[in-house]
Amino acid sequence: MNDLAQRFGENSMLRPRDLRPSVEGMEVTCLLNPGAFRFQDKTCLLVRVGERPAQVPGKTSFPILSPEGRLVAGQISRGLDQAGNTSSAVSLAARSSEAREPC
């Protein structure tokens, strides 16, 4: 099957920094499977967005969905304890999970 269009990799149409995260405290890290289509004389773009909690030096952050349906940012501290052993501590911080209006 032949492609209908050619991709020009040096000039992306969308980049992660072009989109706002859906929840405050998150960051857009990647855009996946973009596609364009025409509907009612309009050209639309459809893209899957990869997000994660903003990263903090010395910690690994990850999203968790609470039983109440709120997005919670979990963090694992990375480092060495006083004896020089690798240590980690887990903390959770609630983030608003109310979706924003589309960009």
Protein backbone atom coordinates (compact mmCIF):
# COMPACT_ATOMS: atom_id res chain seq x y z
CA MET A 1 0.00 0.00 0.00
CA ASN A 2 1.36 3.44 -0.92
CA ASP A 3 1.31 6.33 1.56
CA LEU A 4 -0.93 9.24 0.59
CA ALA A 5 1.48 11.75 2.12
CA GLN A 6 5.14 11.98 2.96
CA ARG A 7 6.29 12.85 6.45
CA PHE A 8 8.93 15.54 6.85
CA GLY A 9 10.59 14.61 10.16
CA GLU A 10 12.50 17.88 10.58
CA ASN A 11 9.31 19.94 10.78
CA SER A 12 6.84 18.34 13.16
CA MET A 13 3.30 19.70 13.09
CA LEU A 14 2.87 19.23 16.83
CA ARG A 15 5.36 18.91 19.66
CA PRO A 16 4.71 18.11 23.34
CA ARG A 17 5.44 21.73 24.30
CA ASP A 18 2.61 22.86 21.98
CA LEU A 19 -0.10 21.26 24.16
CA ARG A 20 -1.29 21.97 27.69
CA PRO A 21 -1.54 19.03 30.12
CA SER A 22 -5.08 17.90 30.97
CA VAL A 23 -4.44 18.29 34.73
CA GLU A 24 -2.37 20.87 36.61
CA GLY A 25 0.93 19.42 37.81
CA MET A 26 1.26 17.09 34.83
CA GLU A 27 3.52 17.53 31.79
CA VAL A 28 3.02 16.40 28.20
CA THR A 29 5.93 14.11 27.31
CA CYS A 30 5.00 12.66 23.92
CA LEU A 31 2.46 12.65 21.11
CA LEU A 32 1.51 9.32 19.56
CA ASN A 33 -0.31 8.13 16.45
CA PRO A 34 -1.32 11.53 15.03
CA GLY A 35 -3.76 11.58 12.17
CA ALA A 36 -5.71 14.10 10.12
CA PHE A 37 -9.22 13.80 8.70
CA ARG A 38 -11.83 15.97 7.00
CA PHE A 39 -15.29 16.37 8.50
CA GLN A 40 -17.95 18.86 7.40
CA ASP A 41 -15.46 20.84 5.31
CA LYS A 42 -13.00 21.13 8.23
CA THR A 43 -9.62 19.47 8.61
CA CYS A 44 -9.11 18.03 12.11
CA LEU A 45 -6.14 16.47 13.87
CA LEU A 46 -6.45 13.57 16.26
CA VAL A 47 -3.53 12.64 18.51
CA ARG A 48 -2.94 10.52 21.60
CA VAL A 49 -1.10 12.46 24.31
CA GLY A 50 1.30 10.94 26.84
CA GLU A 51 1.40 12.76 30.20
CA ARG A 52 3.14 12.26 33.53
CA PRO A 53 3.53 14.19 36.78
CA ALA A 54 6.22 16.86 36.61
CA GLN A 55 9.53 15.26 37.58
CA VAL A 56 11.50 16.47 40.60
CA PRO A 57 15.28 15.96 40.89
CA GLY A 58 16.10 13.03 43.18
CA LYS A 59 12.57 11.58 42.91
CA THR A 60 10.62 9.39 40.51
CA SER A 61 7.06 10.63 40.01
CA PHE A 62 4.18 8.55 38.68
CA PRO A 63 0.37 8.96 38.32
CA ILE A 64 -2.11 7.00 40.42
CA LEU A 65 -5.91 7.10 40.08
CA SER A 66 -7.49 7.15 43.55
CA PRO A 67 -10.67 5.18 44.37
CA GLU A 68 -12.52 8.54 44.28
CA GLY A 69 -11.41 9.06 40.67
CA ARG A 70 -8.87 11.80 41.44
CA LEU A 71 -5.40 11.83 39.96
CA VAL A 72 -2.73 11.43 42.63
CA ALA A 73 0.96 12.00 41.96
CA GLY A 74 3.09 9.39 43.69
CA GLN A 75 6.77 10.06 44.30
CA ILE A 76 9.61 7.79 45.29
CA SER A 77 12.65 9.55 46.73
CA ARG A 78 15.94 8.19 45.47
CA GLY A 79 19.22 8.56 47.25
CA LEU A 80 21.54 7.21 49.89
CA ASP A 81 20.84 7.03 53.60
CA GLN A 82 23.40 7.99 56.26
CA ALA A 83 25.01 4.54 56.04
CA GLY A 84 25.49 4.87 52.25
CA ASN A 85 22.73 2.37 51.40
CA THR A 86 20.22 3.06 48.65
CA SER A 87 17.01 4.29 50.22
CA SER A 88 13.57 5.22 48.96
CA ALA A 89 10.47 6.78 50.46
CA VAL A 90 7.05 6.95 48.84
CA SER A 91 4.77 9.98 49.13
CA LEU A 92 1.46 10.83 47.49
CA ALA A 93 0.21 14.28 46.48
CA ALA A 94 -3.34 14.83 45.23
CA ARG A 95 -3.85 16.67 41.96
CA SER A 96 -7.13 17.92 40.55
CA SER A 97 -8.43 15.42 38.00
CA GLU A 98 -11.03 17.72 36.46
CA ALA A 99 -10.43 17.76 32.73
CA ARG A 100 -9.75 21.09 31.05
CA GLU A 101 -11.54 22.36 28.01
CA PRO A 102 -9.82 21.39 24.73
CA CYS A 103 -7.02 23.69 23.58
